[in-house]
Amino acid sequence: QVQLVESEGGLVQAGGSLRLSCAASGGRINFINMGWFRQAPGKEREFVAAISWIGGSAYYADSVRGRFTVSRDNAKNTVYLQMNNLKPEDTAIYYCARGPRQFNSGTSTSLYDNWGQGTQVTVSA
């Protein structure tokens, strides 16, 4: 069973950048589509970004497109989320998860599993 662990998040000022990583252990994620989600206080967990297993395709939530970039290094068994031009509304707990076999099949949390423990990202105004 693959286990996913997100890197430590942090506190950043609006307009700043932060890169999260999601390291897998207990198995390889080379052939697994992966996704990032986030959950703000009092809100449901929402989709942020997804990347195909080969890394050639990615898609994003409208709220982060153009500011966030998802990537992966299969040799390191790790997926990344580069977040630029952060806004206070990006404050949330960020999670990585294993995606469905068919890439781009949806953004529902029900399509994902093997969730990481999450990492807090706080953006100050």
C-alpha atoms as a PDB file:
ATOM      1  CA  GLN A   1       0.000   0.000   0.000  1.00  0.00           C
ATOM      2  CA  VAL A   2       1.478   3.288  -1.091  1.00  0.00           C
ATOM      3  CA  GLN A   3       1.711   5.891   1.623  1.00  0.00           C
ATOM      4  CA  LEU A   4       1.879   9.581   0.765  1.00  0.00           C
ATOM      5  CA  VAL A   5       3.512  12.240   2.916  1.00  0.00           C
ATOM      6  CA  GLU A   6       3.303  15.934   2.149  1.00  0.00           C
ATOM      7  CA  SER A   7       6.149  18.246   2.984  1.00  0.00           C
ATOM      8  CA  GLU A   8       5.765  20.920   5.593  1.00  0.00           C
ATOM      9  CA  GLY A   9       3.726  23.878   4.421  1.00  0.00           C
ATOM     10  CA  GLY A  10       4.136  27.241   6.013  1.00  0.00           C
ATOM     11  CA  LEU A  11       3.183  30.843   6.407  1.00  0.00           C
ATOM     12  CA  VAL A  12       3.764  33.129   3.437  1.00  0.00           C
ATOM     13  CA  GLN A  13       2.750  36.651   2.567  1.00  0.00           C
ATOM     14  CA  ALA A  14       0.337  37.344  -0.248  1.00  0.00           C
ATOM     15  CA  GLY A  15       2.165  37.370  -3.546  1.00  0.00           C
ATOM     16  CA  GLY A  16       4.740  34.929  -2.290  1.00  0.00           C
ATOM     17  CA  SER A  17       5.562  31.396  -3.398  1.00  0.00           C
ATOM     18  CA  LEU A  18       5.750  27.988  -1.819  1.00  0.00           C
ATOM     19  CA  ARG A  19       6.486  24.520  -3.145  1.00  0.00           C
ATOM     20  CA  LEU A  20       4.902  21.455  -1.639  1.00  0.00           C
ATOM     21  CA  SER A  21       6.130  17.944  -2.238  1.00  0.00           C
ATOM     22  CA  CYS A  22       4.365  14.643  -1.844  1.00  0.00           C
ATOM     23  CA  ALA A  23       6.703  11.718  -1.271  1.00  0.00           C
ATOM     24  CA  ALA A  24       5.481   8.173  -1.756  1.00  0.00           C
ATOM     25  CA  SER A  25       6.693   5.142   0.162  1.00  0.00           C
ATOM     26  CA  GLY A  26       5.742   1.487   0.228  1.00  0.00           C
ATOM     27  CA  GLY A  27       5.426   1.344  -3.538  1.00  0.00           C
ATOM     28  CA  ARG A  28       6.087   3.150  -6.763  1.00  0.00           C
ATOM     29  CA  ILE A  29       3.816   5.827  -8.174  1.00  0.00           C
ATOM     30  CA  ASN A  30       5.360   5.727 -11.647  1.00  0.00           C
ATOM     31  CA  PHE A  31       2.155   4.534 -13.269  1.00  0.00           C
ATOM     32  CA  ILE A  32      -0.290   6.355 -11.028  1.00  0.00           C
ATOM     33  CA  ASN A  33      -2.141   9.551 -11.802  1.00  0.00           C
ATOM     34  CA  MET A  34      -1.866  11.908  -8.861  1.00  0.00           C
ATOM     35  CA  GLY A  35      -3.792  14.855  -7.522  1.00  0.00           C
ATOM     36  CA  TRP A  36      -3.683  17.744  -5.078  1.00  0.00           C
ATOM     37  CA  PHE A  37      -6.648  18.938  -3.064  1.00  0.00           C
ATOM     38  CA  ARG A  38      -7.149  21.507  -0.326  1.00  0.00           C
ATOM     39  CA  GLN A  39      -9.573  22.147   2.476  1.00  0.00           C
ATOM     40  CA  ALA A  40     -10.136  25.532   4.025  1.00  0.00           C
ATOM     41  CA  PRO A  41     -11.737  25.923   7.454  1.00  0.00           C
ATOM     42  CA  GLY A  42     -15.448  25.325   7.305  1.00  0.00           C
ATOM     43  CA  LYS A  43     -15.343  24.279   3.675  1.00  0.00           C
ATOM     44  CA  GLU A  44     -15.361  21.014   1.786  1.00  0.00           C
ATOM     45  CA  ARG A  45     -12.207  19.546   0.351  1.00  0.00           C
ATOM     46  CA  GLU A  46     -11.731  20.822  -3.180  1.00  0.00           C
ATOM     47  CA  PHE A  47      -9.695  19.822  -6.182  1.00  0.00           C
ATOM     48  CA  VAL A  48      -6.568  21.842  -6.970  1.00  0.00           C
ATOM     49  CA  ALA A  49      -4.564  20.024  -9.632  1.00  0.00           C
ATOM     50  CA  ALA A  50      -3.869  16.644 -11.177  1.00  0.00           C
ATOM     51  CA  ILE A  51      -1.023  15.182 -13.181  1.00  0.00           C
ATOM     52  CA  SER A  52      -0.916  12.111 -15.361  1.00  0.00           C
ATOM     53  CA  TRP A  53       1.345   9.204 -14.504  1.00  0.00           C
ATOM     54  CA  ILE A  54       3.784  10.020 -17.241  1.00  0.00           C
ATOM     55  CA  GLY A  55       3.729  13.698 -16.327  1.00  0.00           C
ATOM     56  CA  GLY A  56       2.803  14.933 -19.750  1.00  0.00           C
ATOM     57  CA  SER A  57      -0.665  16.128 -18.878  1.00  0.00           C
ATOM     58  CA  ALA A  58      -2.039  18.239 -16.069  1.00  0.00           C
ATOM     59  CA  TYR A  59      -5.180  20.173 -15.294  1.00  0.00           C
ATOM     60  CA  TYR A  60      -6.113  22.709 -12.660  1.00  0.00           C
ATOM     61  CA  ALA A  61      -8.970  24.258 -10.805  1.00  0.00           C
ATOM     62  CA  ASP A  62      -9.948  27.606 -12.271  1.00  0.00           C
ATOM     63  CA  SER A  63      -9.004  29.318  -9.022  1.00  0.00           C
ATOM     64  CA  VAL A  64      -5.330  28.314  -9.307  1.00  0.00           C
ATOM     65  CA  ARG A  65      -4.743  28.020 -13.043  1.00  0.00           C
ATOM     66  CA  GLY A  66      -1.848  30.213 -14.105  1.00  0.00           C
ATOM     67  CA  ARG A  67      -0.494  30.448 -10.556  1.00  0.00           C
ATOM     68  CA  PHE A  68       0.050  26.821  -9.527  1.00  0.00           C
ATOM     69  CA  THR A  69       2.046  24.158 -11.347  1.00  0.00           C
ATOM     70  CA  VAL A  70       1.944  20.452 -10.633  1.00  0.00           C
ATOM     71  CA  SER A  71       4.899  18.282 -11.604  1.00  0.00           C
ATOM     72  CA  ARG A  72       6.429  14.959 -10.734  1.00  0.00           C
ATOM     73  CA  ASP A  73       9.754  13.181 -10.576  1.00  0.00           C
ATOM     74  CA  ASN A  74       9.059   9.488 -10.902  1.00  0.00           C
ATOM     75  CA  ALA A  75      12.675   8.635 -10.193  1.00  0.00           C
ATOM     76  CA  LYS A  76      12.238  10.253  -6.784  1.00  0.00           C
ATOM     77  CA  ASN A  77       8.729   8.860  -6.349  1.00  0.00           C
ATOM     78  CA  THR A  78       7.548  12.394  -5.627  1.00  0.00           C
ATOM     79  CA  VAL A  79       4.930  14.828  -6.865  1.00  0.00           C
ATOM     80  CA  TYR A  80       5.200  18.593  -6.445  1.00  0.00           C
ATOM     81  CA  LEU A  81       2.915  21.594  -6.302  1.00  0.00           C
ATOM     82  CA  GLN A  82       4.558  24.925  -7.038  1.00  0.00           C
ATOM     83  CA  MET A  83       2.368  27.750  -5.813  1.00  0.00           C
ATOM     84  CA  ASN A  84       3.089  31.297  -6.979  1.00  0.00           C
ATOM     85  CA  ASN A  85       1.339  34.604  -6.425  1.00  0.00           C
ATOM     86  CA  LEU A  86      -0.368  33.170  -3.386  1.00  0.00           C
ATOM     87  CA  LYS A  87      -3.525  34.808  -2.113  1.00  0.00           C
ATOM     88  CA  PRO A  88      -5.147  34.746   1.324  1.00  0.00           C
ATOM     89  CA  GLU A  89      -7.923  32.599  -0.138  1.00  0.00           C
ATOM     90  CA  ASP A  90      -5.337  29.896  -0.840  1.00  0.00           C
ATOM     91  CA  THR A  91      -5.067  29.316   2.909  1.00  0.00           C
ATOM     92  CA  ALA A  92      -5.984  25.698   3.530  1.00  0.00           C
ATOM     93  CA  ILE A  93      -4.715  22.264   4.388  1.00  0.00           C
ATOM     94  CA  TYR A  94      -3.259  20.751   1.238  1.00  0.00           C
ATOM     95  CA  TYR A  95      -3.439  17.036   0.481  1.00  0.00           C
ATOM     96  CA  CYS A  96      -2.015  14.792  -2.197  1.00  0.00           C
ATOM     97  CA  ALA A  97      -3.757  11.610  -3.232  1.00  0.00           C
ATOM     98  CA  ARG A  98      -3.725   8.768  -5.709  1.00  0.00           C
ATOM     99  CA  GLY A  99      -5.940   9.432  -8.691  1.00  0.00           C
ATOM    100  CA  PRO A 100      -8.148   7.262 -10.847  1.00  0.00           C
ATOM    101  CA  ARG A 101      -6.747   4.966 -13.525  1.00  0.00           C
ATOM    102  CA  GLN A 102      -8.276   7.073 -16.264  1.00  0.00           C
ATOM    103  CA  PHE A 103      -6.741  10.488 -16.229  1.00  0.00           C
ATOM    104  CA  ASN A 104      -9.035  13.509 -16.421  1.00  0.00           C
ATOM    105  CA  SER A 105     -12.042  11.493 -15.315  1.00  0.00           C
ATOM    106  CA  GLY A 106     -13.182  14.053 -12.803  1.00  0.00           C
ATOM    107  CA  THR A 107     -12.287  16.150  -9.805  1.00  0.00           C
ATOM    108  CA  SER A 108     -14.436  14.567  -7.135  1.00  0.00           C
ATOM    109  CA  THR A 109     -12.698  13.496  -3.948  1.00  0.00           C
ATOM    110  CA  SER A 110     -14.459  10.147  -4.316  1.00  0.00           C
ATOM    111  CA  LEU A 111     -12.216   9.339  -7.288  1.00  0.00           C
ATOM    112  CA  TYR A 112      -9.076   9.634  -5.186  1.00  0.00           C
ATOM    113  CA  ASP A 113      -7.632   7.567  -2.354  1.00  0.00           C
ATOM    114  CA  ASN A 114      -4.433   6.962  -0.370  1.00  0.00           C
ATOM    115  CA  TRP A 115      -4.632  10.478   1.007  1.00  0.00           C
ATOM    116  CA  GLY A 116      -1.637  12.050   2.678  1.00  0.00           C
ATOM    117  CA  GLN A 117      -1.952  13.546   6.143  1.00  0.00           C
ATOM    118  CA  GLY A 118      -2.145  17.070   4.789  1.00  0.00           C
ATOM    119  CA  THR A 119      -0.039  20.147   5.327  1.00  0.00           C
ATOM    120  CA  GLN A 120      -1.100  23.629   6.389  1.00  0.00           C
ATOM    121  CA  VAL A 121      -0.522  26.561   4.075  1.00  0.00           C
ATOM    122  CA  THR A 122      -1.359  29.992   5.426  1.00  0.00           C
ATOM    123  CA  VAL A 123      -1.234  33.118   3.303  1.00  0.00           C
ATOM    124  CA  SER A 124      -1.304  36.440   5.101  1.00  0.00           C
ATOM    125  CA  ALA A 125      -2.678  39.588   3.518  1.00  0.00           C
END
